[in-house]
Amino acid sequence: MYDYRALADALAADIAAGRLRPGERLLPLRRFARQRQIADSTAARVYRELNRRGLTVGEVGRGTFVRSAAPSAEPALAEPGRARVDLEMNFPVLPEQPALLARSLEGMLRPDALAAALRPVGAAGTPAARQAAAAHLARAGWAPDPGRLLFAGNGRQALAAAIAALVPAGERLGVEALTYPVVKGVAARLGVTLVPLAMDEDGLTPEALRAAAPLRAVYLQPALHNPLGITMPDRRREELAAVLRELGLYAIEDAIYGFLRDDLPPLAVLAPERTVVVDSLSKRLAPGLSLGFLTVPAGGVPDFATALRSGTWTASRFALDAATRWMTDGTAAAIEAAKRSDAAARGRLVAEQLAGFRVRADPRAYHCWWELPEPWRADTFVAAAARRGIAVTPSGAFAVGPAHAPNAVRLALGSPPLDVLAEALAVLAGLAQGAPEDTAPE
């Protein structure tokens, strides 16, 4: 017999995570019952439970809709007027950032500088921007060639352009079996088929890459993998570089979190002719400061520039000029160094508050992967956390294709203040030590 409350919890988690949006209509009752292979009466109890929790509203003759406003009751963790604790999205912004960034931008307020920033710019940006970005992105012995740098509006657009340039519609892109969810949406819009590739404790395996051939490219995250937190050791990177050459395959390397491991070079240092590096300012500086970077193989600039232009994914001149100032005067480097310290402090909180649980966490990362204890299921835990005002992400959001999603959640650690994060982790630890039935609404 199906527990209607568990099904209601799963839908509540979708609402809390934004996968079911305000105003969205739920499936008709009988269609929902057939989809879940449950009785109509059980489906009706699920919908009544959602309505009782204040998450949906029924309209006679039209159906059941997600409420356009959240229930009036405050989450247990939240104080009146405070937003819920977001451990679902990583928006690391430090208190000192606004003053540092503003001071660096003072020169752009001159009429001549502002006039230049209001002009259009192409995918290759400006010579000053290419020089600044090449110097700033360099790490651990790797320095990109300024002549092979291109700019996008943000990291997601840089990723979309890389996929569009390398993988024609209808062709296959290899991805790690658990991967950055945006890749799934980008692939769907471009008509690209994703092929999930097996991983082990060191990340993507060379055997999986060989077995999946033929592929047009592979998307991977060698450093601080999202969501698993894995960083590939040197030996694995060397093996993958060899397989890329063996198969004549291109890799799209996501280096968005690479600045937190500035001691490690990207995979591109081992296979520069087979690797496209994608990076952005979103995590380095702030999500509202939008600029994406593409470092492409020699000879590939025209193809990737065409993809950026055709997708209207090129950067704005104002963002490009502002970022150039931040990268050349040391502002960006100072903020990134402060974030490395901040991420380490948050990693220590995870180690303290979730001690005794099966948590995979690089102490330098802004996220961790939590394998939940029995009898918890990921969707049920997400819903129970949401009732306490805490948003977390179930493993299913990262799974590719029909593969079974592990019984785990990802915690994004970068958004809340440290004291709020500590409190939220303590609440989640207490929740995990109980049983799902203890947390069900009465």
Protein backbone atom coordinates (compact mmCIF):
# COMPACT_ATOMS: atom_id res chain seq x y z
CA MET A 1 0.00 0.00 0.00
CA TYR A 2 1.28 3.44 -0.94
CA ASP A 3 1.71 6.04 1.80
CA TYR A 4 -0.15 9.06 0.43
CA ARG A 5 1.88 11.33 2.74
CA ALA A 6 5.15 10.22 1.13
CA LEU A 7 3.76 11.08 -2.30
CA ALA A 8 2.56 14.42 -0.95
CA ASP A 9 6.05 15.01 0.48
CA ALA A 10 7.59 14.42 -2.95
CA LEU A 11 5.27 16.96 -4.59
CA ALA A 12 5.87 19.37 -1.72
CA ALA A 13 9.61 19.05 -2.36
CA ASP A 14 9.05 19.88 -6.03
CA ILE A 15 7.08 22.98 -5.00
CA ALA A 16 9.71 24.02 -2.45
CA ALA A 17 12.49 23.59 -5.01
CA GLY A 18 10.64 25.50 -7.72
CA ARG A 19 10.24 22.51 -10.03
CA LEU A 20 6.48 23.06 -9.66
CA ARG A 21 5.98 26.79 -9.92
CA PRO A 22 3.27 29.08 -8.49
CA GLY A 23 0.19 28.94 -10.69
CA GLU A 24 1.23 25.67 -12.36
CA ARG A 25 -1.57 23.15 -12.83
CA LEU A 26 -1.07 19.66 -11.41
CA LEU A 27 -1.94 16.61 -13.48
CA PRO A 28 -5.64 15.67 -13.51
CA LEU A 29 -6.36 13.30 -10.65
CA ARG A 30 -6.85 10.14 -12.71
CA ARG A 31 -3.84 10.85 -14.89
CA PHE A 32 -1.72 11.36 -11.78
CA ALA A 33 -3.01 8.05 -10.39
CA ARG A 34 -2.12 6.19 -13.60
CA GLN A 35 1.33 7.80 -13.75
CA ARG A 36 2.14 6.76 -10.17
CA GLN A 37 0.30 3.42 -10.50
CA ILE A 38 -1.90 4.10 -7.50
CA ALA A 39 -5.63 4.00 -6.84
CA ASP A 40 -7.73 7.07 -7.64
CA SER A 41 -8.67 7.26 -3.96
CA THR A 42 -4.98 7.41 -2.95
CA ALA A 43 -4.34 10.13 -5.52
CA ALA A 44 -7.26 12.09 -4.10
CA ARG A 45 -5.77 11.85 -0.60
CA VAL A 46 -2.44 13.16 -1.95
CA TYR A 47 -4.13 16.21 -3.46
CA ARG A 48 -6.18 16.81 -0.32
CA GLU A 49 -2.99 16.65 1.77
CA LEU A 50 -1.30 19.28 -0.43
CA ASN A 51 -4.36 21.47 -0.12
CA ARG A 52 -4.40 21.00 3.68
CA ARG A 53 -0.77 22.12 3.86
CA GLY A 54 -1.67 25.26 1.97
CA LEU A 55 0.50 24.37 -1.02
CA THR A 56 -2.26 24.05 -3.63
CA VAL A 57 -5.71 25.36 -4.37
CA GLY A 58 -8.49 23.58 -6.26
CA GLU A 59 -10.68 25.36 -8.78
CA VAL A 60 -13.96 23.69 -9.73
CA GLY A 61 -13.93 22.64 -13.37
CA ARG A 62 -10.29 23.71 -13.88
CA GLY A 63 -8.18 21.49 -11.64
CA THR A 64 -5.59 21.81 -8.88
CA PHE A 65 -2.96 24.56 -8.98
CA VAL A 66 0.18 25.41 -7.00
CA ARG A 67 -0.61 28.38 -4.80
CA SER A 68 0.70 31.70 -6.09
CA ALA A 69 1.74 32.66 -2.56
CA ALA A 70 3.37 30.60 0.17
CA PRO A 71 1.32 29.63 3.25
CA SER A 72 1.25 32.33 5.88
CA ALA A 73 2.82 30.19 8.60
CA GLU A 74 6.51 30.91 9.15
CA PRO A 75 9.00 28.00 8.78
CA ALA A 76 10.13 26.61 12.11
CA LEU A 77 13.68 27.85 11.64
CA ALA A 78 12.76 31.26 10.31
CA GLU A 79 12.12 34.34 12.39
CA PRO A 80 9.23 36.61 11.33
CA GLY A 81 10.17 38.44 8.17
CA ARG A 82 13.21 36.26 7.41
CA ALA A 83 13.48 34.26 4.22
CA ARG A 84 13.98 30.51 4.37
CA VAL A 85 17.51 29.15 4.59
CA ASP A 86 18.71 28.41 1.07
CA LEU A 87 21.00 25.36 0.97
CA GLU A 88 19.85 24.65 -2.58
CA MET A 89 21.60 27.41 -4.55
CA ASN A 90 25.15 28.69 -4.09
CA PHE A 91 25.28 32.49 -4.04
CA PRO A 92 28.49 33.23 -2.10
CA VAL A 93 28.65 37.02 -1.59
CA LEU A 94 30.90 38.32 1.21
CA PRO A 95 30.02 41.42 3.26
CA GLU A 96 33.10 43.32 2.13
CA GLN A 97 32.47 42.81 -1.59
CA PRO A 98 30.23 45.82 -2.40
CA ALA A 99 32.77 48.36 -1.13
CA LEU A 100 35.66 46.68 -2.95
CA LEU A 101 33.78 46.42 -6.23
CA ALA A 102 32.39 49.95 -6.04
CA ARG A 103 35.81 51.47 -5.40
CA SER A 104 37.19 49.72 -8.46
CA LEU A 105 34.37 51.04 -10.66
CA GLU A 106 34.82 54.70 -9.83
CA GLY A 107 36.90 55.22 -12.96
CA MET A 108 34.06 53.95 -15.17
CA LEU A 109 31.90 56.91 -14.17
CA ARG A 110 34.01 59.26 -16.29
CA PRO A 111 32.12 60.16 -19.51
CA ASP A 112 34.88 58.84 -21.79
CA ALA A 113 35.10 55.48 -19.97
CA LEU A 114 31.33 55.14 -19.83
CA ALA A 115 31.00 55.99 -23.50
CA ALA A 116 33.38 53.16 -24.38
CA ALA A 117 31.49 50.73 -22.14
CA LEU A 118 28.21 51.51 -23.91
CA ARG A 119 29.49 50.34 -27.30
CA PRO A 120 28.85 46.79 -28.55
CA VAL A 121 31.57 44.16 -28.42
CA GLY A 122 32.11 40.83 -30.16
CA ALA A 123 32.76 37.36 -28.77
CA ALA A 124 36.50 38.04 -28.60
CA GLY A 125 35.97 41.04 -26.31
CA THR A 126 38.77 43.59 -26.26
CA PRO A 127 42.56 43.13 -26.21
CA ALA A 128 42.66 44.49 -22.66
CA ALA A 129 39.96 42.05 -21.54
CA ARG A 130 41.74 39.07 -23.11
CA GLN A 131 45.03 39.96 -21.45
CA ALA A 132 43.36 40.52 -18.07
CA ALA A 133 41.31 37.33 -18.23
CA ALA A 134 44.27 35.20 -19.33
CA ALA A 135 46.34 36.44 -16.41
CA HIS A 136 43.52 36.08 -13.91
CA LEU A 137 42.38 32.59 -14.94
CA ALA A 138 45.93 31.20 -14.87
CA ARG A 139 46.65 28.75 -12.05
CA ALA A 140 49.13 26.09 -11.03
CA GLY A 141 51.31 26.31 -14.12
CA TRP A 142 48.45 26.75 -16.63
CA ALA A 143 48.08 30.04 -18.45
CA PRO A 144 45.49 30.36 -21.22
CA ASP A 145 46.50 31.96 -24.49
CA PRO A 146 44.78 35.39 -24.71
CA GLY A 147 44.24 34.78 -28.42
CA ARG A 148 42.08 31.71 -27.62
CA LEU A 149 39.83 33.41 -25.07
CA LEU A 150 36.19 34.25 -25.83
CA PHE A 151 33.52 35.88 -23.66
CA ALA A 152 29.87 35.01 -22.98
CA GLY A 153 27.16 36.73 -21.01
CA ASN A 154 27.55 34.19 -18.19
CA GLY A 155 28.86 30.72 -17.44
CA ARG A 156 25.69 28.97 -18.58
CA GLN A 157 25.86 30.71 -21.93
CA ALA A 158 29.53 29.80 -22.27
CA LEU A 159 28.59 26.17 -21.59
CA ALA A 160 25.74 26.29 -24.11
CA ALA A 161 28.06 27.74 -26.76
CA ALA A 162 30.66 25.03 -26.13
CA ILE A 163 28.05 22.28 -26.54
CA ALA A 164 26.53 23.94 -29.62
CA ALA A 165 29.95 24.26 -31.28
CA LEU A 166 31.01 20.67 -30.61
CA VAL A 167 27.83 18.56 -30.68
CA PRO A 168 25.38 18.86 -33.59
CA ALA A 169 21.67 18.33 -32.94
CA GLY A 170 20.86 14.64 -32.65
CA GLU A 171 24.41 13.68 -31.64
CA ARG A 172 25.70 12.37 -28.29
CA LEU A 173 27.39 14.20 -25.43
CA GLY A 174 28.93 12.16 -22.61
CA VAL A 175 28.35 13.45 -19.07
CA GLU A 176 29.10 12.14 -15.61
CA ALA A 177 26.20 10.04 -14.30
CA LEU A 178 25.52 12.73 -11.69
CA THR A 179 26.05 16.14 -13.22
CA TYR A 180 25.29 19.85 -13.13
CA PRO A 181 21.51 20.07 -13.80
CA VAL A 182 21.80 23.00 -16.22
CA VAL A 183 23.56 20.70 -18.70
CA LYS A 184 20.38 18.65 -18.99
CA GLY A 185 18.32 21.71 -19.90
CA VAL A 186 20.89 23.03 -22.37
CA ALA A 187 21.14 19.64 -24.10
CA ALA A 188 17.36 19.38 -24.39
CA ARG A 189 17.11 22.82 -26.01
CA LEU A 190 19.92 22.02 -28.46
CA GLY A 191 18.56 18.58 -29.35
CA VAL A 192 21.63 16.83 -27.95
CA THR A 193 21.44 13.34 -26.42
CA LEU A 194 23.15 12.94 -23.04
CA VAL A 195 24.99 9.70 -22.31
CA PRO A 196 25.59 9.07 -18.57
CA LEU A 197 29.10 7.82 -17.77
CA ALA A 198 30.09 5.79 -14.73
CA MET A 199 32.17 7.31 -11.94
CA ASP A 200 34.20 5.99 -9.03
CA GLU A 201 35.81 7.66 -6.02
CA ASP A 202 38.23 9.49 -8.36
CA GLY A 203 35.55 10.75 -10.75
CA LEU A 204 34.76 9.81 -14.35
CA THR A 205 36.41 6.53 -15.35
CA PRO A 206 38.41 6.11 -18.58
CA GLU A 207 36.69 2.75 -19.15
CA ALA A 208 33.27 4.41 -19.17
CA LEU A 209 34.48 6.93 -21.73
CA ARG A 210 35.77 4.21 -24.03
CA ALA A 211 32.65 2.06 -23.64
CA ALA A 212 30.32 4.95 -24.56
CA ALA A 213 32.02 5.69 -27.89
CA PRO A 214 31.12 7.14 -30.31
CA LEU A 215 30.57 10.51 -28.65
CA ARG A 216 31.04 13.98 -30.09
CA ALA A 217 32.32 15.42 -26.79
CA VAL A 218 32.29 14.86 -23.03
CA TYR A 219 31.32 17.38 -20.34
CA LEU A 220 33.10 16.91 -17.00
CA GLN A 221 34.08 18.66 -13.77
CA PRO A 222 37.58 17.55 -12.71
CA ALA A 223 37.79 19.89 -9.67
CA LEU A 224 35.21 20.07 -6.86
CA HIS A 225 32.62 18.14 -8.84
CA ASN A 226 29.07 19.39 -8.44
CA PRO A 227 27.35 17.65 -6.67
CA LEU A 228 29.80 14.98 -5.43
CA GLY A 229 32.72 17.20 -4.41
CA ILE A 230 35.25 14.86 -6.09
CA THR A 231 38.56 16.28 -7.30
CA MET A 232 40.34 14.02 -9.77
CA PRO A 233 43.87 13.00 -8.77
CA ASP A 234 46.73 13.57 -11.21
CA ARG A 235 46.75 9.95 -12.30
CA ARG A 236 43.07 10.03 -13.36
CA ARG A 237 43.53 13.30 -15.24
CA GLU A 238 46.46 11.84 -17.15
CA GLU A 239 44.43 8.73 -18.03
CA LEU A 240 41.52 10.81 -19.30
CA ALA A 241 43.80 13.05 -21.34
CA ALA A 242 45.22 9.94 -23.02
CA VAL A 243 41.73 8.62 -23.79
CA LEU A 244 40.68 11.96 -25.29
CA ARG A 245 43.60 11.74 -27.72
CA GLU A 246 42.99 8.04 -28.37
CA LEU A 247 39.34 8.63 -29.30
CA GLY A 248 39.83 12.02 -30.96
CA LEU A 249 37.31 13.39 -28.45
CA TYR A 250 36.82 16.91 -27.14
CA ALA A 251 36.26 17.62 -23.44
CA ILE A 252 34.24 20.55 -22.11
CA GLU A 253 35.87 21.23 -18.76
CA ASP A 254 33.68 23.09 -16.25
CA ALA A 255 36.07 25.12 -14.10
CA ILE A 256 33.47 27.27 -12.34
CA TYR A 257 34.65 26.14 -8.88
CA GLY A 258 38.29 25.77 -9.91
CA PHE A 259 39.31 29.03 -8.23
CA LEU A 260 38.72 27.32 -4.86
CA ARG A 261 41.49 24.85 -5.79
CA ASP A 262 44.05 27.26 -7.22
CA ASP A 263 46.73 24.69 -6.42
CA LEU A 264 45.49 22.41 -9.23
CA PRO A 265 45.79 23.02 -12.98
CA PRO A 266 42.82 22.25 -15.23
CA LEU A 267 42.68 19.14 -17.42
CA ALA A 268 43.50 21.50 -20.29
CA VAL A 269 47.14 21.61 -19.21
CA LEU A 270 47.42 17.91 -20.17
CA ALA A 271 45.35 17.98 -23.39
CA PRO A 272 45.10 21.60 -24.57
CA GLU A 273 44.25 20.57 -28.15
CA ARG A 274 41.25 18.49 -26.96
CA THR A 275 39.87 20.65 -24.12
CA VAL A 276 37.51 23.63 -23.91
CA VAL A 277 37.58 25.33 -20.49
CA VAL A 278 34.39 27.04 -19.29
CA ASP A 279 34.54 29.52 -16.40
CA SER A 280 32.63 32.56 -15.14
CA LEU A 281 32.47 35.31 -12.52
CA SER A 282 29.27 34.02 -10.88
CA LYS A 283 31.01 32.09 -8.10
CA ARG A 284 34.31 33.99 -8.22
CA LEU A 285 32.58 37.32 -7.55
CA ALA A 286 28.78 37.26 -7.43
CA PRO A 287 25.82 35.81 -9.36
CA GLY A 288 24.65 39.28 -10.38
CA LEU A 289 28.02 40.04 -12.00
CA SER A 290 27.57 38.18 -15.22
CA LEU A 291 30.48 37.24 -17.47
CA GLY A 292 31.48 33.87 -18.90
CA PHE A 293 34.83 32.70 -20.29
CA LEU A 294 35.69 30.14 -22.96
CA THR A 295 39.28 28.99 -23.52
CA VAL A 296 39.23 27.01 -26.77
CA PRO A 297 41.75 24.78 -28.59
CA ALA A 298 44.05 26.29 -31.18
CA GLY A 299 42.24 26.95 -34.44
CA GLY A 300 38.81 26.68 -32.82
CA VAL A 301 38.11 30.37 -32.20
CA PRO A 302 35.93 30.93 -35.32
CA ASP A 303 33.61 27.99 -34.58
CA PHE A 304 33.07 28.92 -30.95
CA ALA A 305 32.69 32.62 -31.77
CA THR A 306 30.01 31.69 -34.31
CA ALA A 307 28.18 29.63 -31.67
CA LEU A 308 28.27 32.56 -29.24
CA ARG A 309 26.93 34.98 -31.85
CA SER A 310 24.23 32.68 -33.20
CA GLY A 311 22.97 31.95 -29.70
CA THR A 312 23.11 35.67 -28.79
CA TRP A 313 25.34 34.59 -25.89
CA THR A 314 28.06 37.23 -26.23
CA ALA A 315 28.96 39.46 -23.26
CA SER A 316 27.91 43.06 -22.81
CA ARG A 317 30.67 45.68 -23.14
CA PHE A 318 29.83 47.22 -19.74
CA ALA A 319 30.25 43.86 -17.94
CA LEU A 320 33.43 43.18 -19.88
CA ASP A 321 35.00 46.54 -19.00
CA ALA A 322 33.96 46.29 -15.35
CA ALA A 323 35.42 42.78 -15.07
CA THR A 324 38.63 43.92 -16.75
CA ARG A 325 39.07 46.55 -14.04
CA TRP A 326 38.42 44.04 -11.25
CA MET A 327 40.86 41.55 -12.74
CA THR A 328 43.68 44.02 -13.37
CA ASP A 329 43.60 46.03 -10.11
CA GLY A 330 43.57 43.03 -7.75
CA THR A 331 39.93 43.37 -6.64
CA ALA A 332 38.86 40.01 -8.08
CA ALA A 333 41.92 38.24 -6.66
CA ALA A 334 41.27 39.67 -3.19
CA ILE A 335 37.63 38.55 -3.22
CA GLU A 336 38.53 35.07 -4.44
CA ALA A 337 41.14 34.67 -1.70
CA ALA A 338 38.56 35.71 0.88
CA LYS A 339 36.12 33.17 -0.56
CA ARG A 340 38.66 30.38 -0.24
CA SER A 341 38.86 31.18 3.47
CA ASP A 342 35.07 31.46 3.69
CA ALA A 343 34.53 28.09 1.98
CA ALA A 344 37.01 26.47 4.38
CA ALA A 345 35.11 27.89 7.37
CA ARG A 346 31.86 26.46 6.00
CA GLY A 347 33.54 23.12 5.42
CA ARG A 348 34.53 23.05 9.09
CA LEU A 349 30.89 23.61 10.07
CA VAL A 350 29.85 20.61 7.96
CA ALA A 351 32.50 18.45 9.62
CA GLU A 352 31.30 19.53 13.08
CA GLN A 353 27.53 19.48 12.61
CA LEU A 354 27.23 16.38 10.41
CA ALA A 355 29.86 14.26 12.16
CA GLY A 356 28.86 10.60 12.16
CA PHE A 357 26.90 10.82 8.90
CA ARG A 358 28.10 9.70 5.47
CA VAL A 359 29.02 13.07 4.00
CA ARG A 360 31.35 13.53 1.05
CA ALA A 361 32.83 17.01 1.31
CA ASP A 362 36.02 18.58 0.08
CA PRO A 363 36.96 21.01 2.88
CA ARG A 364 37.57 23.72 0.24
CA ALA A 365 34.19 23.40 -1.52
CA TYR A 366 30.97 25.37 -1.28
CA HIS A 367 28.85 22.22 -1.37
CA CYS A 368 28.71 18.71 0.05
CA TRP A 369 27.00 15.41 -0.75
CA TRP A 370 25.07 13.69 2.05
CA GLU A 371 24.14 10.00 1.78
CA LEU A 372 21.06 9.85 3.97
CA PRO A 373 20.64 7.23 6.71
CA GLU A 374 17.87 4.67 6.59
CA PRO A 375 14.91 4.88 6.46
CA TRP A 376 15.04 8.34 4.90
CA ARG A 377 14.43 8.84 1.17
CA ALA A 378 15.76 11.91 -0.60
CA ASP A 379 12.40 13.42 -1.59
CA THR A 380 10.92 12.81 1.84
CA PHE A 381 13.91 14.42 3.52
CA VAL A 382 13.74 17.44 1.19
CA ALA A 383 10.08 17.94 2.07
CA ALA A 384 10.72 17.54 5.81
CA ALA A 385 13.58 20.06 5.61
CA ALA A 386 11.35 22.50 3.72
CA ARG A 387 8.80 22.37 6.54
CA ARG A 388 11.59 23.62 8.79
CA GLY A 389 12.40 26.46 6.43
CA ILE A 390 15.47 24.85 4.84
CA ALA A 391 15.80 24.21 1.10
CA VAL A 392 18.09 21.35 -0.03
CA THR A 393 18.42 19.51 -3.35
CA PRO A 394 17.56 15.81 -3.85
CA SER A 395 19.94 13.59 -5.79
CA GLY A 396 17.41 13.16 -8.59
CA ALA A 397 18.06 16.71 -9.77
CA PHE A 398 21.58 15.62 -10.78
CA ALA A 399 20.84 12.17 -12.22
CA VAL A 400 21.03 11.73 -16.00
CA GLY A 401 18.51 9.53 -17.77
CA PRO A 402 16.70 6.63 -16.15
CA ALA A 403 19.61 5.75 -13.87
CA HIS A 404 18.68 5.30 -10.22
CA ALA A 405 19.35 8.41 -8.17
CA PRO A 406 21.25 7.68 -4.94
CA ASN A 407 19.50 8.18 -1.63
CA ALA A 408 21.28 11.47 -1.03
CA VAL A 409 20.96 15.25 -1.02
CA ARG A 410 23.33 18.04 -1.95
CA LEU A 411 23.80 20.92 0.46
CA ALA A 412 24.90 24.24 -1.07
CA LEU A 413 26.81 26.04 1.66
CA GLY A 414 27.63 29.42 0.17
CA SER A 415 24.46 31.52 0.54
CA PRO A 416 23.49 31.93 4.24
CA PRO A 417 25.58 33.70 6.87
CA LEU A 418 27.82 31.40 8.89
CA ASP A 419 25.66 31.48 12.02
CA VAL A 420 22.52 30.67 10.03
CA LEU A 421 24.33 27.87 8.21
CA ALA A 422 25.47 26.36 11.51
CA GLU A 423 21.92 26.45 12.86
CA ALA A 424 20.48 24.95 9.68
CA LEU A 425 23.01 22.10 9.66
CA ALA A 426 22.18 21.35 13.29
CA VAL A 427 18.46 21.22 12.45
CA LEU A 428 19.11 18.88 9.51
CA ALA A 429 21.29 16.61 11.67
CA GLY A 430 18.53 16.34 14.22
CA LEU A 431 16.02 15.64 11.47
CA ALA A 432 18.16 12.83 10.02
CA GLN A 433 18.52 11.21 13.43
CA GLY A 434 14.75 10.79 13.64
CA ALA A 435 12.34 8.87 11.46
CA PRO A 436 10.23 10.21 8.58
CA GLU A 437 6.99 9.39 10.36
CA ASP A 438 8.10 11.57 13.30
CA THR A 439 8.21 14.61 11.01
CA ALA A 440 4.99 14.10 9.05
CA PRO A 441 2.45 16.91 9.45
CA GLU A 442 -0.45 16.09 11.74
